[in-house]
Amino acid sequence: MEDDALIRMGVAEALRNAGYIVIEACNAAEAMDVVLSGIAPDVLFADVKLPGHVDGLQLAALLERLIPGLIVVIASGRFMPDDLRLKVNFLRKPFGPETVVAHLARVAPPPRA
């Protein structure tokens, strides 16, 4: 989940081209609506900073309680992995879509058709 629409669309397109099924959300409320509708993603990819009252780390904590085994990948240009002190996968911004695809391929390979 990325609040910048152009970045989100570019990453989503690259992930789809790599074989991932992608559901986009621009904030935590949209992501929660998706999950509460019955869709349980395998991976949450979220920026730390999101619009609204819930940030990416708070969203990850909520979804981890609802979806056992959820893989969380957090991105940020401000925080560093040591700052987070959490056991999450971390991508430092800025990055290109190919970096996201390569990272996800290591932690959560795309489903086979």
C-alpha atoms as a PDB file:
ATOM      1  CA  MET A   1       0.000   0.000   0.000  1.00  0.00           C
ATOM      2  CA  GLU A   2       1.403   3.305  -1.066  1.00  0.00           C
ATOM      3  CA  ASP A   3      -0.298   6.664  -0.718  1.00  0.00           C
ATOM      4  CA  ASP A   4       1.391   8.122  -3.822  1.00  0.00           C
ATOM      5  CA  ALA A   5      -0.884   6.937  -6.638  1.00  0.00           C
ATOM      6  CA  LEU A   6       1.786   6.923  -9.369  1.00  0.00           C
ATOM      7  CA  ILE A   7       4.227   4.898  -7.286  1.00  0.00           C
ATOM      8  CA  ARG A   8       1.439   2.533  -6.186  1.00  0.00           C
ATOM      9  CA  MET A   9       0.289   1.975  -9.773  1.00  0.00           C
ATOM     10  CA  GLY A  10       3.833   1.363 -11.040  1.00  0.00           C
ATOM     11  CA  VAL A  11       4.622  -1.143  -8.297  1.00  0.00           C
ATOM     12  CA  ALA A  12       1.231  -2.860  -8.708  1.00  0.00           C
ATOM     13  CA  GLU A  13       1.752  -3.208 -12.465  1.00  0.00           C
ATOM     14  CA  ALA A  14       5.252  -4.642 -11.996  1.00  0.00           C
ATOM     15  CA  LEU A  15       3.953  -7.137  -9.414  1.00  0.00           C
ATOM     16  CA  ARG A  16       1.098  -8.211 -11.705  1.00  0.00           C
ATOM     17  CA  ASN A  17       3.561  -8.674 -14.562  1.00  0.00           C
ATOM     18  CA  ALA A  18       5.616 -10.897 -12.234  1.00  0.00           C
ATOM     19  CA  GLY A  19       2.577 -13.105 -11.545  1.00  0.00           C
ATOM     20  CA  TYR A  20       1.246 -11.635  -8.303  1.00  0.00           C
ATOM     21  CA  ILE A  21      -2.422 -10.966  -7.657  1.00  0.00           C
ATOM     22  CA  VAL A  22      -2.534  -7.371  -6.413  1.00  0.00           C
ATOM     23  CA  ILE A  23      -5.228  -5.479  -4.559  1.00  0.00           C
ATOM     24  CA  GLU A  24      -4.441  -1.789  -4.179  1.00  0.00           C
ATOM     25  CA  ALA A  25      -5.466   0.454  -1.302  1.00  0.00           C
ATOM     26  CA  CYS A  26      -4.512   4.081  -0.775  1.00  0.00           C
ATOM     27  CA  ASN A  27      -4.953   4.071   3.006  1.00  0.00           C
ATOM     28  CA  ALA A  28      -5.429   1.755   5.977  1.00  0.00           C
ATOM     29  CA  ALA A  29      -9.223   2.117   5.961  1.00  0.00           C
ATOM     30  CA  GLU A  30      -9.419   0.821   2.376  1.00  0.00           C
ATOM     31  CA  ALA A  31      -7.097  -2.066   3.230  1.00  0.00           C
ATOM     32  CA  MET A  32      -9.212  -2.991   6.267  1.00  0.00           C
ATOM     33  CA  ASP A  33     -12.375  -2.875   4.136  1.00  0.00           C
ATOM     34  CA  VAL A  34     -10.779  -5.378   1.743  1.00  0.00           C
ATOM     35  CA  VAL A  35      -9.853  -7.746   4.552  1.00  0.00           C
ATOM     36  CA  LEU A  36     -13.216  -7.401   6.302  1.00  0.00           C
ATOM     37  CA  SER A  37     -14.927  -8.242   2.982  1.00  0.00           C
ATOM     38  CA  GLY A  38     -13.355 -11.695   3.272  1.00  0.00           C
ATOM     39  CA  ILE A  39     -10.161 -11.341   1.242  1.00  0.00           C
ATOM     40  CA  ALA A  40      -7.097 -12.551   3.134  1.00  0.00           C
ATOM     41  CA  PRO A  41      -3.885 -11.449   1.417  1.00  0.00           C
ATOM     42  CA  ASP A  42      -0.650 -13.403   1.765  1.00  0.00           C
ATOM     43  CA  VAL A  43       1.446 -10.225   1.836  1.00  0.00           C
ATOM     44  CA  LEU A  44       0.948  -6.675   3.071  1.00  0.00           C
ATOM     45  CA  PHE A  45       3.251  -4.165   1.383  1.00  0.00           C
ATOM     46  CA  ALA A  46       2.820  -0.791   3.084  1.00  0.00           C
ATOM     47  CA  ASP A  47       4.581   2.487   3.611  1.00  0.00           C
ATOM     48  CA  VAL A  48       5.064   3.517   7.231  1.00  0.00           C
ATOM     49  CA  LYS A  49       3.445   6.879   6.557  1.00  0.00           C
ATOM     50  CA  LEU A  50      -0.126   6.657   5.263  1.00  0.00           C
ATOM     51  CA  PRO A  51      -2.929   9.195   5.032  1.00  0.00           C
ATOM     52  CA  GLY A  52      -5.487   8.949   7.803  1.00  0.00           C
ATOM     53  CA  HIS A  53      -5.266   7.973  11.441  1.00  0.00           C
ATOM     54  CA  VAL A  54      -3.621   4.551  11.019  1.00  0.00           C
ATOM     55  CA  ASP A  55      -0.056   4.230   9.735  1.00  0.00           C
ATOM     56  CA  GLY A  56       1.487   1.242   7.975  1.00  0.00           C
ATOM     57  CA  LEU A  57       2.917  -0.257  11.167  1.00  0.00           C
ATOM     58  CA  GLN A  58      -0.416  -0.030  12.968  1.00  0.00           C
ATOM     59  CA  LEU A  59      -2.160  -1.555   9.961  1.00  0.00           C
ATOM     60  CA  ALA A  60       0.363  -4.393   9.898  1.00  0.00           C
ATOM     61  CA  ALA A  61      -0.253  -5.111  13.589  1.00  0.00           C
ATOM     62  CA  LEU A  62      -4.033  -5.178  13.045  1.00  0.00           C
ATOM     63  CA  LEU A  63      -3.848  -7.426   9.998  1.00  0.00           C
ATOM     64  CA  GLU A  64      -1.349  -9.809  11.587  1.00  0.00           C
ATOM     65  CA  ARG A  65      -3.972 -10.497  14.264  1.00  0.00           C
ATOM     66  CA  LEU A  66      -6.639 -11.171  11.634  1.00  0.00           C
ATOM     67  CA  ILE A  67      -4.522 -13.118   9.129  1.00  0.00           C
ATOM     68  CA  PRO A  68      -2.192 -15.732  10.606  1.00  0.00           C
ATOM     69  CA  GLY A  69       0.979 -16.119   8.559  1.00  0.00           C
ATOM     70  CA  LEU A  70       0.653 -12.719   6.872  1.00  0.00           C
ATOM     71  CA  ILE A  71       3.983 -11.578   5.442  1.00  0.00           C
ATOM     72  CA  VAL A  72       4.586  -7.882   6.105  1.00  0.00           C
ATOM     73  CA  VAL A  73       6.897  -5.722   4.008  1.00  0.00           C
ATOM     74  CA  ILE A  74       7.287  -2.145   5.218  1.00  0.00           C
ATOM     75  CA  ALA A  75       8.723   0.707   3.141  1.00  0.00           C
ATOM     76  CA  SER A  76       9.946   4.084   4.302  1.00  0.00           C
ATOM     77  CA  GLY A  77      12.275   6.862   3.333  1.00  0.00           C
ATOM     78  CA  ARG A  78      12.451   8.177   6.894  1.00  0.00           C
ATOM     79  CA  PHE A  79      12.722   5.128   9.125  1.00  0.00           C
ATOM     80  CA  MET A  80      15.452   2.536   9.107  1.00  0.00           C
ATOM     81  CA  PRO A  81      15.068  -1.114  10.145  1.00  0.00           C
ATOM     82  CA  ASP A  82      16.830  -0.377  13.450  1.00  0.00           C
ATOM     83  CA  ASP A  83      14.304   2.372  14.147  1.00  0.00           C
ATOM     84  CA  LEU A  84      11.405  -0.040  13.740  1.00  0.00           C
ATOM     85  CA  ARG A  85      12.685  -2.677  16.197  1.00  0.00           C
ATOM     86  CA  LEU A  86      10.188  -5.078  14.691  1.00  0.00           C
ATOM     87  CA  LYS A  87      10.561  -8.322  12.826  1.00  0.00           C
ATOM     88  CA  VAL A  88       9.351  -7.083   9.456  1.00  0.00           C
ATOM     89  CA  ASN A  89      10.821  -7.044   5.995  1.00  0.00           C
ATOM     90  CA  PHE A  90      11.971  -3.533   5.171  1.00  0.00           C
ATOM     91  CA  LEU A  91      12.564  -1.611   1.924  1.00  0.00           C
ATOM     92  CA  ARG A  92      14.219   1.787   2.102  1.00  0.00           C
ATOM     93  CA  LYS A  93      12.823   4.443  -0.225  1.00  0.00           C
ATOM     94  CA  PRO A  94      13.389   5.504  -2.890  1.00  0.00           C
ATOM     95  CA  PHE A  95      13.130   2.305  -4.898  1.00  0.00           C
ATOM     96  CA  GLY A  96      11.901   1.249  -8.292  1.00  0.00           C
ATOM     97  CA  PRO A  97       9.171  -1.305  -8.990  1.00  0.00           C
ATOM     98  CA  GLU A  98      11.804  -3.900  -9.927  1.00  0.00           C
ATOM     99  CA  THR A  99      13.277  -3.667  -6.406  1.00  0.00           C
ATOM    100  CA  VAL A 100       9.873  -4.431  -4.875  1.00  0.00           C
ATOM    101  CA  VAL A 101       9.352  -7.390  -7.217  1.00  0.00           C
ATOM    102  CA  ALA A 102      12.802  -8.798  -6.409  1.00  0.00           C
ATOM    103  CA  HIS A 103      12.273  -8.400  -2.659  1.00  0.00           C
ATOM    104  CA  LEU A 104       8.833 -10.016  -2.709  1.00  0.00           C
ATOM    105  CA  ALA A 105      10.130 -12.869  -4.855  1.00  0.00           C
ATOM    106  CA  ARG A 106      12.558 -13.668  -2.027  1.00  0.00           C
ATOM    107  CA  VAL A 107      10.032 -13.517   0.831  1.00  0.00           C
ATOM    108  CA  ALA A 108       6.805 -14.546  -0.936  1.00  0.00           C
ATOM    109  CA  PRO A 109       7.113 -16.003  -4.447  1.00  0.00           C
ATOM    110  CA  PRO A 110       4.116 -15.358  -6.728  1.00  0.00           C
ATOM    111  CA  PRO A 111       1.423 -18.021  -6.893  1.00  0.00           C
ATOM    112  CA  ARG A 112       1.782 -20.552  -9.657  1.00  0.00           C
ATOM    113  CA  ALA A 113      -0.855 -20.447 -12.353  1.00  0.00           C
END
